[in-house]
N, C-alpha and C. Protein backbone atom coordinates (compact mmCIF):
# COMPACT_ATOMS: atom_id res chain seq x y z
N MET A 1 -25.66 -72.98 -133.65
CA MET A 1 -27.01 -73.86 -133.20
C MET A 1 -27.79 -74.21 -134.34
N ASN A 2 -28.49 -75.48 -134.46
CA ASN A 2 -29.70 -75.49 -135.69
C ASN A 2 -30.59 -74.96 -135.00
N TYR A 3 -31.61 -73.98 -135.50
CA TYR A 3 -32.92 -73.42 -135.05
C TYR A 3 -33.88 -74.75 -135.64
N ASN A 4 -33.86 -75.01 -137.04
CA ASN A 4 -34.84 -75.89 -137.70
C ASN A 4 -34.49 -77.05 -137.28
N ILE A 5 -34.51 -77.78 -135.84
CA ILE A 5 -34.39 -78.92 -135.69
C ILE A 5 -35.65 -79.31 -135.13
N SER A 6 -36.25 -80.67 -135.02
CA SER A 6 -37.51 -80.88 -134.51
C SER A 6 -37.75 -81.51 -133.48
N PHE A 7 -38.76 -81.05 -132.40
CA PHE A 7 -38.58 -81.57 -131.01
C PHE A 7 -38.32 -83.09 -130.98
N GLN A 8 -38.27 -84.03 -131.66
CA GLN A 8 -37.80 -85.00 -131.57
C GLN A 8 -36.62 -85.55 -131.43
N ASP A 9 -36.32 -84.42 -132.54
CA ASP A 9 -34.42 -84.63 -132.66
C ASP A 9 -34.05 -84.08 -132.03
N MET A 10 -34.27 -82.80 -131.08
CA MET A 10 -33.93 -82.32 -130.20
C MET A 10 -34.01 -82.95 -129.10
N SER A 11 -34.98 -83.74 -128.53
CA SER A 11 -35.23 -84.72 -127.92
C SER A 11 -33.97 -86.28 -127.44
N ARG A 12 -33.89 -86.65 -128.82
CA ARG A 12 -33.18 -87.56 -129.14
C ARG A 12 -31.67 -86.91 -128.58
N LEU A 13 -31.32 -85.92 -129.19
CA LEU A 13 -29.88 -85.63 -129.24
C LEU A 13 -29.71 -85.14 -127.62
N GLY A 14 -30.84 -84.64 -126.61
CA GLY A 14 -30.79 -84.49 -125.25
C GLY A 14 -30.57 -85.83 -124.47
N MET A 15 -31.38 -86.54 -124.93
CA MET A 15 -30.84 -88.01 -124.29
C MET A 15 -29.67 -88.62 -124.64
N GLU A 16 -29.15 -88.41 -125.84
CA GLU A 16 -27.80 -89.00 -126.01
C GLU A 16 -26.45 -88.43 -125.19
N GLN A 17 -26.81 -86.95 -125.14
CA GLN A 17 -26.06 -86.47 -124.05
C GLN A 17 -25.92 -86.72 -122.43
N LEU A 18 -27.35 -87.13 -122.22
CA LEU A 18 -27.45 -87.84 -120.74
C LEU A 18 -26.70 -88.77 -120.82
N SER A 19 -27.25 -89.77 -121.55
CA SER A 19 -26.40 -90.88 -121.46
C SER A 19 -25.29 -91.25 -121.34
N MET A 20 -24.32 -89.89 -121.62
CA MET A 20 -22.31 -90.07 -122.19
C MET A 20 -22.32 -89.36 -120.62
N GLN A 21 -23.27 -88.77 -119.75
CA GLN A 21 -22.81 -88.39 -118.05
C GLN A 21 -22.94 -89.65 -117.25
N PRO A 22 -21.99 -89.36 -116.61
CA PRO A 22 -21.93 -90.26 -115.14
C PRO A 22 -22.68 -90.14 -114.41
N PRO A 23 -23.35 -91.45 -113.86
CA PRO A 23 -24.70 -91.50 -112.91
C PRO A 23 -24.03 -90.44 -111.82
N ILE A 24 -25.01 -90.22 -111.23
CA ILE A 24 -24.73 -89.03 -109.87
C ILE A 24 -25.68 -89.79 -108.53
N THR A 25 -25.00 -89.62 -107.24
CA THR A 25 -25.94 -90.16 -106.21
C THR A 25 -26.98 -88.82 -105.93
N LEU A 26 -28.01 -88.94 -105.04
CA LEU A 26 -28.87 -88.31 -104.63
C LEU A 26 -28.23 -87.13 -104.01
N GLU A 27 -27.27 -87.12 -103.22
CA GLU A 27 -26.27 -86.04 -102.38
C GLU A 27 -26.01 -85.13 -103.26
N GLN A 28 -25.28 -85.75 -104.29
CA GLN A 28 -24.55 -85.05 -104.82
C GLN A 28 -25.45 -84.10 -105.88
N ALA A 29 -26.60 -84.67 -106.41
CA ALA A 29 -27.92 -83.75 -107.06
C ALA A 29 -28.44 -82.77 -106.01
N ARG A 30 -28.28 -83.31 -104.88
CA ARG A 30 -28.86 -81.82 -104.04
C ARG A 30 -28.17 -80.93 -103.95
N LYS A 31 -26.50 -81.20 -103.72
CA LYS A 31 -25.38 -80.69 -103.65
C LYS A 31 -25.45 -79.27 -105.03
N GLN A 32 -25.99 -80.15 -106.23
CA GLN A 32 -25.81 -79.10 -107.24
C GLN A 32 -26.95 -78.28 -107.70
N ALA A 33 -28.08 -78.78 -106.76
CA ALA A 33 -29.47 -78.17 -106.88
C ALA A 33 -29.31 -76.78 -105.56
N LEU A 34 -28.32 -77.22 -104.95
CA LEU A 34 -28.36 -75.80 -103.83
C LEU A 34 -27.09 -75.15 -104.40
N TRP A 35 -26.23 -75.53 -105.07
CA TRP A 35 -24.86 -74.16 -106.03
C TRP A 35 -26.05 -73.69 -106.53
N ILE A 36 -26.54 -74.48 -107.84
CA ILE A 36 -27.64 -73.51 -108.84
C ILE A 36 -28.35 -72.45 -108.35
N LYS A 37 -29.00 -73.03 -106.76
CA LYS A 37 -29.78 -71.85 -106.45
C LYS A 37 -28.83 -71.00 -105.82
N GLN A 38 -27.94 -70.90 -105.13
CA GLN A 38 -26.99 -70.13 -104.16
C GLN A 38 -26.36 -68.91 -105.31
N THR A 39 -26.00 -69.51 -106.52
CA THR A 39 -25.54 -68.68 -107.26
C THR A 39 -26.75 -68.03 -108.29
N SER A 40 -27.60 -68.64 -108.77
CA SER A 40 -28.51 -67.65 -109.33
C SER A 40 -29.33 -66.47 -108.41
N SER A 41 -29.21 -66.92 -107.24
CA SER A 41 -29.60 -66.05 -106.35
C SER A 41 -29.18 -64.44 -106.18
N ARG A 42 -27.31 -64.97 -106.38
CA ARG A 42 -26.59 -63.70 -106.44
C ARG A 42 -26.98 -62.94 -107.75
N ALA A 43 -27.42 -63.84 -109.03
CA ALA A 43 -27.41 -62.80 -109.77
C ALA A 43 -28.89 -62.20 -110.43
N GLY A 44 -29.87 -62.33 -109.46
CA GLY A 44 -31.23 -61.75 -109.33
C GLY A 44 -32.04 -62.85 -109.30
N CYS A 45 -31.98 -63.90 -109.93
CA CYS A 45 -33.07 -64.96 -110.54
C CYS A 45 -32.98 -66.09 -109.61
N ALA A 46 -33.32 -66.07 -108.43
CA ALA A 46 -33.56 -67.20 -107.70
C ALA A 46 -34.39 -68.14 -108.11
N LEU A 47 -34.40 -69.54 -108.02
CA LEU A 47 -35.03 -70.14 -108.33
C LEU A 47 -35.99 -71.17 -107.47
N PRO A 48 -37.06 -71.34 -107.26
CA PRO A 48 -38.06 -72.07 -106.14
C PRO A 48 -37.47 -73.27 -106.27
N LEU A 49 -36.51 -73.97 -105.61
CA LEU A 49 -36.22 -75.30 -105.57
C LEU A 49 -37.28 -75.97 -104.22
N ARG A 50 -37.43 -77.06 -104.51
CA ARG A 50 -38.28 -77.73 -103.43
C ARG A 50 -38.00 -79.36 -103.03
N PHE A 51 -37.50 -79.58 -101.89
CA PHE A 51 -37.21 -81.06 -101.89
C PHE A 51 -37.93 -81.72 -100.93
């Protein structure tokens, strides 16, 4: 990874990556968030997710 990248370039690259992903529904996003919360809890680093 290039650590000499500006914040603007990093933001632009992130937006490009996001634009390539297919859209998801709110229900799919909630399922993903629940899965992340459950799997990270097993690793000892629970995330405080609120909906």
